[in-house]
Amino acid sequence: MKQYQPKEQVIQNHILQYLRLKGYYVWKNNTAGIYKQATNSYIPSHAKGVSDIIGLTKQGVFIAIEVKRRSGKLSPNQKAFLEAIRASGGIAILAYDLADVEKIL
């Protein structure tokens, strides 16, 4: 029997609510871009691979959280972004659920 996997948006919302309740300054990054109705296309709103949730700890440390379903995989750009955040002294998390974030923060 196939196990239920919540949608990424549901997981993202749980993580955002939790972090905001804990006093972190976080937001959902717009990964889709800006839709141009005239040309029926998207204008990218950021560099490729930027995480789903971006923010700061209460101490001002940068946080990047990439949210995936259990069956999801990081793209090479997403992996590179998380690695760059870690190398710069930030906190980079691959989260399949809220518990993954709680373990690190």
N, C-alpha and C. Protein backbone atom coordinates (compact mmCIF):
# COMPACT_ATOMS: atom_id res chain seq x y z
N MET A 1 0.84 -1.17 0.00
CA MET A 1 0.00 0.00 0.00
C MET A 1 0.89 1.25 0.00
N LYS A 2 0.54 2.20 -0.83
CA LYS A 2 1.30 3.43 -0.94
C LYS A 2 1.02 4.33 0.28
N GLN A 3 2.10 4.81 0.88
CA GLN A 3 1.97 5.67 2.05
C GLN A 3 1.66 7.10 1.62
N TYR A 4 0.77 7.76 2.38
CA TYR A 4 0.39 9.14 2.09
C TYR A 4 1.58 10.08 2.27
N GLN A 5 1.78 10.94 1.32
CA GLN A 5 2.80 11.98 1.41
C GLN A 5 2.12 13.33 1.22
N PRO A 6 2.21 14.20 2.23
CA PRO A 6 1.60 15.52 2.06
C PRO A 6 2.29 16.29 0.95
N LYS A 7 1.58 17.22 0.35
CA LYS A 7 2.16 18.07 -0.68
C LYS A 7 3.23 18.97 -0.06
N GLU A 8 4.19 19.39 -0.88
CA GLU A 8 5.25 20.26 -0.39
C GLU A 8 4.68 21.54 0.23
N GLN A 9 3.64 22.08 -0.37
CA GLN A 9 3.04 23.31 0.14
C GLN A 9 2.53 23.13 1.58
N VAL A 10 1.98 21.98 1.88
CA VAL A 10 1.49 21.70 3.24
C VAL A 10 2.66 21.65 4.22
N ILE A 11 3.73 20.96 3.82
CA ILE A 11 4.92 20.87 4.66
C ILE A 11 5.52 22.26 4.87
N GLN A 12 5.61 23.04 3.80
CA GLN A 12 6.14 24.40 3.89
C GLN A 12 5.34 25.24 4.88
N ASN A 13 4.03 25.16 4.79
CA ASN A 13 3.18 25.94 5.70
C ASN A 13 3.39 25.55 7.15
N HIS A 14 3.53 24.26 7.43
CA HIS A 14 3.79 23.81 8.81
C HIS A 14 5.12 24.37 9.32
N ILE A 15 6.14 24.31 8.47
CA ILE A 15 7.46 24.81 8.86
C ILE A 15 7.41 26.32 9.09
N LEU A 16 6.78 27.05 8.18
CA LEU A 16 6.67 28.51 8.34
C LEU A 16 5.94 28.89 9.62
N GLN A 17 4.81 28.24 9.90
CA GLN A 17 4.04 28.53 11.11
C GLN A 17 4.88 28.25 12.36
N TYR A 18 5.56 27.12 12.38
CA TYR A 18 6.38 26.75 13.53
C TYR A 18 7.48 27.78 13.76
N LEU A 19 8.23 28.11 12.71
CA LEU A 19 9.34 29.04 12.87
C LEU A 19 8.87 30.43 13.29
N ARG A 20 7.76 30.88 12.74
CA ARG A 20 7.22 32.19 13.14
C ARG A 20 6.80 32.20 14.60
N LEU A 21 6.19 31.10 15.05
CA LEU A 21 5.82 31.00 16.46
C LEU A 21 7.05 31.02 17.37
N LYS A 22 8.17 30.51 16.86
CA LYS A 22 9.42 30.48 17.63
C LYS A 22 10.20 31.79 17.52
N GLY A 23 9.69 32.75 16.74
CA GLY A 23 10.33 34.06 16.66
C GLY A 23 11.33 34.25 15.53
N TYR A 24 11.38 33.31 14.59
CA TYR A 24 12.26 33.45 13.44
C TYR A 24 11.59 34.35 12.40
N TYR A 25 12.41 35.08 11.65
CA TYR A 25 11.90 35.91 10.56
C TYR A 25 12.08 35.11 9.28
N VAL A 26 11.00 34.52 8.77
CA VAL A 26 11.06 33.64 7.60
C VAL A 26 9.94 33.96 6.63
N TRP A 27 10.16 33.60 5.38
CA TRP A 27 9.14 33.79 4.37
C TRP A 27 9.27 32.72 3.29
N LYS A 28 8.19 32.52 2.57
CA LYS A 28 8.14 31.59 1.44
C LYS A 28 8.73 32.31 0.24
N ASN A 29 9.75 31.73 -0.33
CA ASN A 29 10.38 32.31 -1.50
C ASN A 29 9.53 32.02 -2.73
N ASN A 30 9.30 33.04 -3.55
CA ASN A 30 8.53 32.86 -4.78
C ASN A 30 9.42 32.16 -5.80
N THR A 31 9.21 30.87 -5.98
CA THR A 31 10.07 30.11 -6.89
C THR A 31 9.50 30.03 -8.30
N ALA A 32 8.26 30.41 -8.48
CA ALA A 32 7.64 30.29 -9.81
C ALA A 32 8.02 31.44 -10.72
N GLY A 33 8.27 32.60 -10.18
CA GLY A 33 8.56 33.77 -11.00
C GLY A 33 7.31 34.62 -11.17
N ILE A 34 7.41 35.58 -12.06
CA ILE A 34 6.31 36.51 -12.32
C ILE A 34 5.69 36.13 -13.66
N TYR A 35 4.39 35.96 -13.65
CA TYR A 35 3.68 35.55 -14.86
C TYR A 35 3.39 36.77 -15.73
N LYS A 36 3.78 36.68 -17.00
CA LYS A 36 3.49 37.73 -17.97
C LYS A 36 2.33 37.25 -18.84
N GLN A 37 1.16 37.83 -18.62
CA GLN A 37 -0.02 37.38 -19.33
C GLN A 37 0.08 37.66 -20.84
N ALA A 38 0.67 38.78 -21.20
CA ALA A 38 0.76 39.15 -22.62
C ALA A 38 1.52 38.12 -23.45
N THR A 39 2.56 37.54 -22.86
CA THR A 39 3.37 36.56 -23.60
C THR A 39 3.14 35.13 -23.14
N ASN A 40 2.28 34.97 -22.13
CA ASN A 40 1.99 33.64 -21.58
C ASN A 40 3.28 32.94 -21.13
N SER A 41 4.11 33.69 -20.39
CA SER A 41 5.39 33.14 -19.94
C SER A 41 5.71 33.65 -18.54
N TYR A 42 6.77 33.09 -17.95
CA TYR A 42 7.23 33.49 -16.63
C TYR A 42 8.56 34.21 -16.72
N ILE A 43 8.73 35.21 -15.87
CA ILE A 43 10.01 35.87 -15.70
C ILE A 43 10.59 35.33 -14.41
N PRO A 44 11.75 34.70 -14.45
CA PRO A 44 12.33 34.17 -13.21
C PRO A 44 12.51 35.28 -12.18
N SER A 45 12.16 34.98 -10.93
CA SER A 45 12.26 35.99 -9.88
C SER A 45 13.52 35.84 -9.04
N HIS A 46 14.37 34.88 -9.37
CA HIS A 46 15.57 34.63 -8.57
C HIS A 46 16.53 33.72 -9.33
N ALA A 47 17.66 33.48 -8.73
CA ALA A 47 18.62 32.53 -9.30
C ALA A 47 18.08 31.11 -9.15
N LYS A 48 18.51 30.24 -10.02
CA LYS A 48 18.06 28.84 -9.97
C LYS A 48 18.56 28.17 -8.70
N GLY A 49 17.71 27.35 -8.10
CA GLY A 49 18.11 26.56 -6.95
C GLY A 49 17.85 27.19 -5.60
N VAL A 50 17.38 28.44 -5.57
CA VAL A 50 17.12 29.11 -4.29
C VAL A 50 16.05 28.33 -3.52
N SER A 51 16.26 28.19 -2.23
CA SER A 51 15.39 27.35 -1.39
C SER A 51 13.97 27.91 -1.26
N ASP A 52 13.07 27.01 -0.86
CA ASP A 52 11.65 27.34 -0.71
C ASP A 52 11.40 28.34 0.42
N ILE A 53 12.10 28.16 1.53
CA ILE A 53 11.92 29.02 2.70
C ILE A 53 13.25 29.70 3.00
N ILE A 54 13.19 31.00 3.16
CA ILE A 54 14.37 31.82 3.42
C ILE A 54 14.09 32.63 4.69
N GLY A 55 15.14 32.92 5.46
CA GLY A 55 14.92 33.75 6.63
C GLY A 55 16.16 33.93 7.47
N LEU A 56 15.91 34.40 8.70
CA LEU A 56 16.97 34.69 9.66
C LEU A 56 16.61 34.11 11.02
N THR A 57 17.65 33.63 11.71
CA THR A 57 17.43 33.21 13.10
C THR A 57 17.28 34.47 13.95
N LYS A 58 16.98 34.29 15.22
CA LYS A 58 16.86 35.44 16.13
C LYS A 58 18.21 36.13 16.31
N GLN A 59 19.30 35.44 16.02
CA GLN A 59 20.65 36.01 16.12
C GLN A 59 21.12 36.60 14.79
N GLY A 60 20.29 36.53 13.76
CA GLY A 60 20.64 37.12 12.47
C GLY A 60 21.36 36.18 11.51
N VAL A 61 21.38 34.89 11.80
CA VAL A 61 22.02 33.91 10.91
C VAL A 61 21.05 33.56 9.79
N PHE A 62 21.56 33.55 8.56
CA PHE A 62 20.75 33.25 7.39
C PHE A 62 20.30 31.79 7.41
N ILE A 63 19.03 31.56 7.06
CA ILE A 63 18.47 30.20 7.00
C ILE A 63 17.92 29.96 5.59
N ALA A 64 18.20 28.78 5.04
CA ALA A 64 17.61 28.35 3.78
C ALA A 64 17.07 26.94 4.00
N ILE A 65 15.81 26.74 3.69
CA ILE A 65 15.18 25.43 3.86
C ILE A 65 14.57 24.99 2.54
N GLU A 66 15.07 23.90 2.02
CA GLU A 66 14.50 23.30 0.81
C GLU A 66 13.56 22.20 1.26
N VAL A 67 12.30 22.29 0.86
CA VAL A 67 11.28 21.34 1.29
C VAL A 67 11.00 20.35 0.15
N LYS A 68 11.03 19.08 0.49
CA LYS A 68 10.75 18.02 -0.48
C LYS A 68 9.81 16.99 0.14
N ARG A 69 9.03 16.36 -0.72
CA ARG A 69 8.29 15.18 -0.28
C ARG A 69 9.31 14.06 -0.13
N ARG A 70 8.95 13.02 0.58
CA ARG A 70 9.89 11.90 0.80
C ARG A 70 10.39 11.33 -0.53
N SER A 71 9.57 11.39 -1.56
CA SER A 71 9.97 10.85 -2.86
C SER A 71 10.74 11.87 -3.71
N GLY A 72 10.85 13.11 -3.23
CA GLY A 72 11.51 14.16 -3.99
C GLY A 72 13.02 14.14 -3.89
N LYS A 73 13.67 14.72 -4.87
CA LYS A 73 15.13 14.78 -4.90
C LYS A 73 15.56 16.21 -5.20
N LEU A 74 16.71 16.57 -4.63
CA LEU A 74 17.28 17.89 -4.90
C LEU A 74 17.79 17.96 -6.33
N SER A 75 17.57 19.10 -6.98
CA SER A 75 18.19 19.33 -8.27
C SER A 75 19.65 19.73 -8.01
N PRO A 76 20.51 19.64 -9.01
CA PRO A 76 21.90 20.09 -8.81
C PRO A 76 21.97 21.55 -8.35
N ASN A 77 21.11 22.42 -8.88
CA ASN A 77 21.10 23.83 -8.47
C ASN A 77 20.67 23.99 -7.01
N GLN A 78 19.69 23.22 -6.58
CA GLN A 78 19.25 23.29 -5.18
C GLN A 78 20.35 22.82 -4.24
N LYS A 79 21.01 21.74 -4.61
CA LYS A 79 22.11 21.21 -3.80
C LYS A 79 23.24 22.24 -3.71
N ALA A 80 23.58 22.87 -4.83
CA ALA A 80 24.65 23.87 -4.85
C ALA A 80 24.27 25.08 -3.98
N PHE A 81 23.02 25.48 -4.01
CA PHE A 81 22.58 26.62 -3.20
C PHE A 81 22.73 26.31 -1.71
N LEU A 82 22.26 25.13 -1.29
CA LEU A 82 22.38 24.75 0.12
C LEU A 82 23.84 24.67 0.54
N GLU A 83 24.68 24.13 -0.31
CA GLU A 83 26.11 24.03 0.00
C GLU A 83 26.74 25.42 0.12
N ALA A 84 26.34 26.36 -0.73
CA ALA A 84 26.87 27.73 -0.68
C ALA A 84 26.46 28.42 0.62
N ILE A 85 25.23 28.18 1.07
CA ILE A 85 24.77 28.78 2.32
C ILE A 85 25.59 28.23 3.49
N ARG A 86 25.79 26.92 3.53
CA ARG A 86 26.61 26.32 4.60
C ARG A 86 28.04 26.87 4.57
N ALA A 87 28.63 26.97 3.39
CA ALA A 87 30.00 27.45 3.25
C ALA A 87 30.14 28.91 3.68
N SER A 88 29.04 29.65 3.63
CA SER A 88 29.04 31.06 4.01
C SER A 88 28.67 31.28 5.47
N GLY A 89 28.47 30.19 6.22
CA GLY A 89 28.15 30.31 7.63
C GLY A 89 26.67 30.33 7.96
N GLY A 90 25.84 30.10 6.96
CA GLY A 90 24.40 30.05 7.19
C GLY A 90 23.95 28.64 7.53
N ILE A 91 22.66 28.53 7.78
CA ILE A 91 22.05 27.24 8.10
C ILE A 91 21.25 26.79 6.88
N ALA A 92 21.58 25.63 6.34
CA ALA A 92 20.91 25.09 5.17
C ALA A 92 20.31 23.74 5.53
N ILE A 93 19.02 23.59 5.26
CA ILE A 93 18.29 22.39 5.68
C ILE A 93 17.52 21.80 4.50
N LEU A 94 17.65 20.50 4.33
CA LEU A 94 16.76 19.76 3.44
C LEU A 94 15.72 19.14 4.35
N ALA A 95 14.46 19.57 4.20
CA ALA A 95 13.40 19.13 5.11
C ALA A 95 12.33 18.33 4.37
N TYR A 96 12.08 17.13 4.89
CA TYR A 96 10.99 16.31 4.39
C TYR A 96 9.76 16.48 5.27
N ASP A 97 9.96 17.05 6.46
CA ASP A 97 8.86 17.33 7.38
C ASP A 97 9.35 18.31 8.45
N LEU A 98 8.46 18.72 9.31
CA LEU A 98 8.79 19.68 10.36
C LEU A 98 9.87 19.13 11.29
N ALA A 99 9.86 17.85 11.55
CA ALA A 99 10.84 17.24 12.46
C ALA A 99 12.28 17.47 11.98
N ASP A 100 12.50 17.48 10.68
CA ASP A 100 13.84 17.74 10.15
C ASP A 100 14.32 19.13 10.52
N VAL A 101 13.43 20.09 10.54
CA VAL A 101 13.79 21.46 10.92
C VAL A 101 14.00 21.56 12.43
N GLU A 102 13.12 20.92 13.21
CA GLU A 102 13.23 20.95 14.66
C GLU A 102 14.57 20.38 15.12
N LYS A 103 15.06 19.32 14.44
CA LYS A 103 16.33 18.69 14.82
C LYS A 103 17.50 19.66 14.70
N ILE A 104 17.46 20.53 13.72
CA ILE A 104 18.59 21.41 13.44
C ILE A 104 18.47 22.75 14.16
N LEU A 105 17.27 23.26 14.25
CA LEU A 105 17.06 24.56 14.91
C LEU A 105 16.58 24.34 16.33
